[in-house]
Amino acid sequence: MNALYLAAANLRFHWARTLVLVVAAALVLSVPVLTRTLLAQGEAQLGARAEATPLLLGTRGSRLDLVMAGAYFTDDLPEPTNMAASEAVWDSGLGIPVPLHTRFTAGGARVVGTTLDYFDLRALEVAQGRPFALLGEAVLGAGAAARLGAGPGDAILSDPENLFDLDGAYPLEMTVVGVLAPTGTPDDDAVFVDIKTAWVIAGIGHGHDDILAEGEDAAAAAARAVQYARITPENIDSFHFHGDPATYPVTAVMVAPYDDRSATILRGRYLDAEGPVQAVVPADVIEALVARLLRIAALVDAVTLVVGIAAGLALGLALFLSWRLRAPEMRTAFALGAGRGTIARMALAEVALVIAGAALLALPLVIVLLSQAPTIAARLIALGS
């Protein structure tokens, strides 16, 4: 008890040095736990989302890009396919296709052009307002609503892709009609619109004044056509689309096969390596990705172990040097009759107190961060993509 008391008194007296040692030891103890927890959470979230996405169709190319863009709404977009891929699934009678157009953003949130079938297949619930029903209406995910500070009745503006491209996509003001209940998935951070609204942003559809002035021909009327940045009840009827709808672009087509047999048949139809469209099972792609991440995690664990050993040696050296500086005190202690065992117990007591203080500091930090691990993992998935 005397050794413990003297160790505590010494640490208290040299409080600045003690604080540095405790904080350093706390970081050494907490970082490996947090790293493994975030990795486990990321793996679980990636896997759960992939399992909830039975099949994705898209342009033949990177399977990972297709899955990340179609299921997680990431920034790395594959080459777009077209609505013909979605119509082919409808015609096959093997499943329900849900086209996804994820090229644009609004306030930094991904704009997902889709159909109301998406809400049913993902079991999304509208917590405020209602689903979109008209061109130019938007439903926000819970996270997007909080970040944009918007709700039913507010308006949001799509982000321009290129301020100097007057022939490209026009920023569109969209009316928020609903906010989804939080799900803990990428849907929370998305802005959902009807896929035709996404095509309006892309410039495929537009509205204008079609009234011809007296004596004016169609070419002159087209030259003075007014492009709308906002869809209103007054101009909504003037919006129309050009070209064959089957050629309109989509990022991916999510497919919900009716049964296992239908899923097998659908996958078989896209096995031709020369075909323009591929069918991807997200769970298989993410499983391969997680396997690579686990191999990287093993290397991170090894590095963490080496760093931990180095940090432990550094802490030990700091304590050893502090004891060397206290050599006159030790000689006085010996002169007063203290044995080597007493000195050793004092040294061990200081080490134990530093470790105990580090554990007490690391515990609340770990508890707080663990409670936020799902959110942090979701953010890291979004940022890392």
Foldseek 3Di string as FASTA:
>chain_A
DVLLVVLVVVCVVVVVVLVVLLQLLLCLVQVVVLVVLLLVLLLVQLLVQLVLFFKKKFFPDDPVQLCCCVRQVAQSFDDWFAQLVQVVLVVVPFWHKWFWAFNWAWPNFTETAIDCVVCVSVVWDWPDFDDDDAQQEKEAAQQQCVVVVDAAQDKTWIDDPDPPCPPFFDIAIGGYGTYIDHDLGSRNRHIYDHNVNVVNRGVQKFFFDQDADVPGDNVVRVVPTDGDRYDDPVTRVRIDGDDDNRRHTTRMMGIDGPDPVSSVVVQVVAPPPPDRMHMDSSSVVSVVVSVVVVVVVVVVVVVSVVVSVVSVVVSVVVLVVVVVVCVVVVVVCVVVPDDPVSVVSSSVSNVVVSSVSSCVVNVVVSVVCSVCSSVVSSVCSRVVD
